[in-house]
Structure formats: structure tokens, C-alpha cells
Amino acid sequence: MKRLYFSALSALFSVLAFVATVSIKPACFSLFYQPEIPRGLKK
């Protein structure tokens, strides 16, 4: 039972880490490329 709980916990943590990475990366990119957005829209 303990092993099952540990595997479920690790799976949950990996999913949370994946979601955090997916949600944080676009935010970082939009912050970094904020000055480039008007230039990109002009194209």
C-alpha cells in the first residue's frame, strides 16, 4: 500500500511539474518578447 501511495504521489508531482512548466513557459516568453509584439503584428 505504501508503495502504491508513493507511485501515485510521484505521478501526481510529475503531472504538476509538467503543468507548471507548460503554464510558466508561455508567460516567460510573452514577458520577454513584449516589445516584439507590435513589430510582429505590423507584419
Protein backbone atom coordinates (compact mmCIF):
# COMPACT_ATOMS: atom_id res chain seq x y z
CA MET A 1 0.00 0.00 0.00
CA LYS A 2 2.83 2.38 0.85
CA ARG A 3 4.49 1.69 -2.49
CA LEU A 4 1.24 2.37 -4.36
CA TYR A 5 0.84 5.66 -2.49
CA PHE A 6 4.42 6.65 -3.30
CA SER A 7 3.99 5.87 -7.01
CA ALA A 8 0.73 7.84 -7.12
CA LEU A 9 2.40 10.75 -5.34
CA SER A 10 5.34 10.76 -7.76
CA ALA A 11 2.97 10.59 -10.74
CA LEU A 12 0.95 13.49 -9.35
CA PHE A 13 4.11 15.50 -8.78
CA SER A 14 5.33 14.86 -12.33
CA VAL A 15 1.96 15.96 -13.73
CA LEU A 16 2.04 19.09 -11.58
CA ALA A 17 5.59 19.86 -12.70
CA PHE A 18 4.57 19.38 -16.34
CA VAL A 19 1.54 21.67 -15.95
CA ALA A 20 3.65 24.29 -14.19
CA THR A 21 6.26 24.17 -16.96
CA VAL A 22 3.63 24.43 -19.69
CA SER A 23 1.86 27.34 -18.00
CA ILE A 24 5.01 29.22 -16.93
CA LYS A 25 6.96 28.99 -20.21
CA PRO A 26 4.45 30.94 -22.36
CA ALA A 27 4.21 33.59 -19.62
CA CYS A 28 8.00 33.99 -19.59
CA PHE A 29 8.12 34.15 -23.39
CA SER A 30 5.35 36.76 -23.52
CA LEU A 31 7.16 38.83 -20.87
CA PHE A 32 10.49 38.58 -22.70
CA TYR A 33 9.01 39.31 -26.14
CA GLN A 34 6.59 42.03 -25.02
CA PRO A 35 8.45 44.74 -27.03
CA GLU A 36 8.43 42.48 -30.11
CA ILE A 37 4.64 42.04 -30.19
CA PRO A 38 3.77 45.31 -32.03
CA ARG A 39 6.51 44.66 -34.58
CA GLY A 40 5.11 41.13 -35.10
CA LEU A 41 1.59 42.49 -35.53
CA LYS A 42 2.79 45.00 -38.16
CA LYS A 43 3.95 42.08 -40.30
